[in-house]
Amino acid sequence: MTERKKKAQISVYLDPGIMEMLADYAARRDQPQSMIAEAAIASFLSPDAAERREAVIVKRLDQIDRRMTRLERDMGIAIESLAVFIKYWVATTPALPEPAAQAARAKAGERYDQFVTALGRRLAKGPKLRQEISEDVGQTQESGRGT
């Protein structure tokens, strides 16, 4: 009959937050805390722990890369939107005669303040332009398939 080796007992001091997480995890898994601690220590000390940490870092870097790509796309949309608006505005706005131009300049400050206020409201509660564009593009493509 093979003799079963007795496990060694150690005392470990844990921060209250970590102890609470260990207790919660053990309760959810219906496992003893000592078994979970043993598995965690074994995982930490295993030779492939460095490879797992590297895999986690690579995964996070990939997430950051995707977010940066989305950010770059969103910035491109914003810049192109502004460029299209300016080009359209310059092409369609006729020059005003001098008396009307003075009145327009007088009204410009008030309109700018209204614009900034409206922009602030829009940014605070959305929807964001990029959401509207992706939704519009998706709907246009879906309706184009149905015809």
Protein backbone atom coordinates (compact mmCIF):
# COMPACT_ATOMS: atom_id res chain seq x y z
CA MET A 1 0.00 0.00 0.00
CA THR A 2 1.44 3.40 -0.96
CA GLU A 3 1.88 5.80 1.83
CA ARG A 4 0.19 9.17 1.37
CA LYS A 5 2.44 12.09 2.19
CA LYS A 6 1.10 14.49 4.71
CA LYS A 7 0.82 18.06 3.50
CA ALA A 8 2.90 20.68 5.25
CA GLN A 9 1.11 23.49 7.01
CA ILE A 10 2.24 27.11 6.71
CA SER A 11 0.98 30.38 8.11
CA VAL A 12 0.46 33.20 5.67
CA TYR A 13 -0.52 36.76 6.40
CA LEU A 14 -2.89 38.25 3.84
CA ASP A 15 -4.27 41.72 3.45
CA PRO A 16 -7.95 41.84 4.43
CA GLY A 17 -8.98 42.59 0.85
CA ILE A 18 -7.11 39.58 -0.53
CA MET A 19 -8.45 37.39 2.24
CA GLU A 20 -11.98 38.51 1.38
CA MET A 21 -11.40 37.75 -2.31
CA LEU A 22 -10.05 34.31 -1.41
CA ALA A 23 -13.04 33.57 0.81
CA ASP A 24 -15.50 34.78 -1.85
CA TYR A 25 -13.81 32.74 -4.57
CA ALA A 26 -13.71 29.62 -2.38
CA ALA A 27 -17.40 30.03 -1.52
CA ARG A 28 -18.39 30.47 -5.18
CA ARG A 29 -16.41 27.37 -6.18
CA ASP A 30 -17.44 25.42 -3.08
CA GLN A 31 -13.79 24.56 -2.47
CA PRO A 32 -11.58 24.92 0.60
CA GLN A 33 -9.51 28.08 0.78
CA SER A 34 -6.33 26.07 1.32
CA MET A 35 -6.84 24.21 -1.96
CA ILE A 36 -7.29 27.48 -3.87
CA ALA A 37 -4.22 29.01 -2.17
CA GLU A 38 -2.18 25.89 -2.99
CA ALA A 39 -3.23 26.04 -6.65
CA ALA A 40 -2.42 29.75 -6.84
CA ILE A 41 1.05 29.24 -5.33
CA ALA A 42 1.72 26.28 -7.64
CA SER A 43 0.65 28.35 -10.63
CA PHE A 44 2.86 31.25 -9.55
CA LEU A 45 5.89 28.99 -9.06
CA SER A 46 5.41 26.88 -12.19
CA PRO A 47 7.95 27.29 -14.99
CA ASP A 48 5.27 28.37 -17.47
CA ALA A 49 4.08 31.22 -15.24
CA ALA A 50 6.30 33.66 -17.15
CA GLU A 51 4.79 32.48 -20.43
CA ARG A 52 1.27 32.97 -19.08
CA ARG A 53 2.14 36.47 -17.86
CA GLU A 54 3.58 37.22 -21.28
CA ALA A 55 0.38 35.96 -22.92
CA VAL A 56 -1.69 38.23 -20.66
CA ILE A 57 0.52 41.20 -21.55
CA VAL A 58 0.26 40.41 -25.27
CA LYS A 59 -3.52 40.19 -24.97
CA ARG A 60 -3.66 43.58 -23.26
CA LEU A 61 -1.35 45.11 -25.84
CA ASP A 62 -3.62 43.78 -28.58
CA GLN A 63 -6.61 45.40 -26.84
CA ILE A 64 -4.72 48.69 -26.63
CA ASP A 65 -3.79 48.41 -30.31
CA ARG A 66 -7.44 47.88 -31.27
CA ARG A 67 -8.49 50.86 -29.16
CA MET A 68 -5.79 53.02 -30.74
CA THR A 69 -6.94 51.94 -34.21
CA ARG A 70 -10.53 52.90 -33.32
CA LEU A 71 -9.32 56.22 -31.91
CA GLU A 72 -7.38 56.90 -35.09
CA ARG A 73 -10.47 56.08 -37.16
CA ASP A 74 -12.67 58.32 -35.03
CA MET A 75 -10.20 61.18 -35.32
CA GLY A 76 -10.14 60.69 -39.09
CA ILE A 77 -13.94 60.88 -39.18
CA ALA A 78 -13.89 64.08 -37.11
CA ILE A 79 -11.25 65.72 -39.28
CA GLU A 80 -12.95 64.71 -42.52
CA SER A 81 -16.32 65.92 -41.21
CA LEU A 82 -14.86 69.29 -40.36
CA ALA A 83 -13.09 69.54 -43.72
CA VAL A 84 -16.26 68.66 -45.66
CA PHE A 85 -18.29 71.17 -43.66
CA ILE A 86 -15.75 73.98 -44.18
CA LYS A 87 -15.47 73.22 -47.91
CA TYR A 88 -19.26 73.21 -48.26
CA TRP A 89 -19.66 76.37 -46.20
CA VAL A 90 -17.00 78.27 -48.15
CA ALA A 91 -18.47 77.15 -51.47
CA THR A 92 -22.10 78.01 -50.67
CA THR A 93 -21.90 81.11 -48.49
CA PRO A 94 -22.02 84.29 -50.55
CA ALA A 95 -20.05 87.34 -49.48
CA LEU A 96 -22.22 89.88 -47.65
CA PRO A 97 -22.36 93.58 -48.43
CA GLU A 98 -20.57 95.67 -45.80
CA PRO A 99 -23.60 96.80 -43.70
CA ALA A 100 -24.87 93.19 -43.52
CA ALA A 101 -21.34 91.92 -42.79
CA GLN A 102 -21.11 94.24 -39.77
CA ALA A 103 -24.43 92.92 -38.45
CA ALA A 104 -23.29 89.35 -39.03
CA ARG A 105 -20.05 89.97 -37.09
CA ALA A 106 -22.09 91.41 -34.25
CA LYS A 107 -24.26 88.29 -34.15
CA ALA A 108 -21.27 85.90 -34.47
CA GLY A 109 -20.31 85.98 -30.77
CA GLU A 110 -23.85 85.14 -29.67
CA ARG A 111 -24.13 82.30 -32.17
CA TYR A 112 -20.73 80.94 -31.13
CA ASP A 113 -21.83 80.84 -27.49
CA GLN A 114 -25.00 78.98 -28.54
CA PHE A 115 -22.87 76.53 -30.53
CA VAL A 116 -20.56 75.84 -27.57
CA THR A 117 -23.56 75.31 -25.28
CA ALA A 118 -25.20 72.91 -27.74
CA LEU A 119 -21.91 71.05 -28.21
CA GLY A 120 -21.53 70.70 -24.45
CA ARG A 121 -25.04 69.24 -24.14
CA ARG A 122 -24.39 66.85 -27.02
CA LEU A 123 -21.11 65.62 -25.55
CA ALA A 124 -22.70 65.20 -22.12
CA LYS A 125 -25.62 63.01 -23.18
CA GLY A 126 -24.92 61.81 -26.74
CA PRO A 127 -25.52 60.07 -29.05
CA LYS A 128 -22.04 60.46 -30.47
CA LEU A 129 -21.53 61.14 -34.17
CA ARG A 130 -19.45 57.98 -34.59
CA GLN A 131 -22.38 55.95 -33.23
CA GLU A 132 -24.79 57.62 -35.61
CA ILE A 133 -22.47 57.05 -38.57
CA SER A 134 -21.96 53.36 -37.86
CA GLU A 135 -25.69 52.88 -37.30
CA ASP A 136 -26.55 54.79 -40.49
CA VAL A 137 -23.98 52.85 -42.53
CA GLY A 138 -25.28 49.54 -41.14
CA GLN A 139 -28.89 50.44 -41.95
CA THR A 140 -27.98 51.63 -45.45
CA GLN A 141 -26.12 48.41 -46.18
CA GLU A 142 -28.98 46.27 -44.82
CA SER A 143 -31.62 48.12 -46.84
CA GLY A 144 -29.42 47.84 -49.96
CA ARG A 145 -29.29 44.05 -49.57
CA GLY A 146 -33.07 43.78 -49.40
CA THR A 147 -33.62 45.37 -52.81
